[in-house]
Amino acid sequence: MFQLDTLARLVRAHLAEVQRNVRSDAGYTTETIVVTALLVILGLTVVGIIVAKVTAKANGIDLG
């Protein structure tokens, strides 16, 4: 019976540790999503600025 009691305590301790780890990482996913979204918005803005400048420069070329 001693071995089963020890095993049960170890399992309970492991489950408690897993639950603590799940709670401590709860904001990590949200933080990652927000940072990724901001980087995507920044990247799209930079690409838009570059496209606008290249288009303006191309339209300014005199072909005639």
Protein backbone atom coordinates (compact mmCIF):
# COMPACT_ATOMS: atom_id res chain seq x y z
CA MET A 1 0.00 0.00 0.00
CA PHE A 2 2.95 2.29 0.62
CA GLN A 3 3.91 2.30 -3.06
CA LEU A 4 0.40 3.19 -4.20
CA ASP A 5 0.21 6.01 -1.67
CA THR A 6 3.56 7.40 -2.82
CA LEU A 7 2.55 7.07 -6.46
CA ALA A 8 -0.74 8.86 -5.81
CA ARG A 9 1.10 11.73 -4.08
CA LEU A 10 3.55 12.02 -6.96
CA VAL A 11 0.73 12.09 -9.50
CA ARG A 12 -1.12 14.77 -7.52
CA ALA A 13 2.05 16.85 -7.24
CA HIS A 14 2.69 16.52 -10.96
CA LEU A 15 -0.89 17.53 -11.82
CA ALA A 16 -0.63 20.55 -9.53
CA GLU A 17 2.61 21.59 -11.25
CA VAL A 18 1.02 21.21 -14.69
CA GLN A 19 -1.94 23.35 -13.60
CA ARG A 20 0.42 26.07 -12.31
CA ASN A 21 2.32 26.07 -15.59
CA VAL A 22 -0.89 26.34 -17.60
CA ARG A 23 -2.01 29.32 -15.54
CA SER A 24 1.36 31.06 -15.73
CA ASP A 25 1.46 30.85 -19.55
CA ALA A 26 -2.13 32.00 -20.02
CA GLY A 27 -1.21 35.50 -21.26
CA TYR A 28 1.62 34.38 -23.50
CA THR A 29 -0.64 33.39 -26.38
CA THR A 30 -2.57 36.66 -26.28
CA GLU A 31 0.64 38.66 -26.09
CA THR A 32 2.07 36.77 -29.06
CA ILE A 33 -1.06 37.38 -31.13
CA VAL A 34 -1.06 41.11 -30.37
CA VAL A 35 2.65 41.52 -31.18
CA THR A 36 2.28 39.49 -34.39
CA ALA A 37 -0.74 41.55 -35.46
CA LEU A 38 1.16 44.79 -34.85
CA LEU A 39 4.12 43.54 -36.87
CA VAL A 40 1.81 42.53 -39.74
CA ILE A 41 0.16 45.96 -39.72
CA LEU A 42 3.56 47.65 -39.69
CA GLY A 43 4.78 45.46 -42.55
CA LEU A 44 1.70 46.16 -44.66
CA THR A 45 2.09 49.89 -44.03
CA VAL A 46 5.72 49.82 -45.14
CA VAL A 47 4.85 47.82 -48.27
CA GLY A 48 2.04 50.28 -49.05
CA ILE A 49 4.40 53.25 -48.75
CA ILE A 50 6.99 51.59 -50.99
CA VAL A 51 4.36 50.67 -53.61
CA ALA A 52 3.01 54.25 -53.59
CA LYS A 53 6.49 55.73 -54.05
CA VAL A 54 7.43 53.30 -56.82
CA THR A 55 4.12 53.89 -58.60
CA ALA A 56 4.52 57.66 -58.35
CA LYS A 57 8.06 57.44 -59.69
CA ALA A 58 6.94 55.16 -62.56
CA ASN A 59 4.10 57.51 -63.46
CA GLY A 60 6.55 60.41 -63.52
CA ILE A 61 8.67 58.87 -66.30
CA ASP A 62 8.21 60.70 -69.59
CA LEU A 63 8.00 58.21 -72.44
CA GLY A 64 7.18 60.69 -75.18
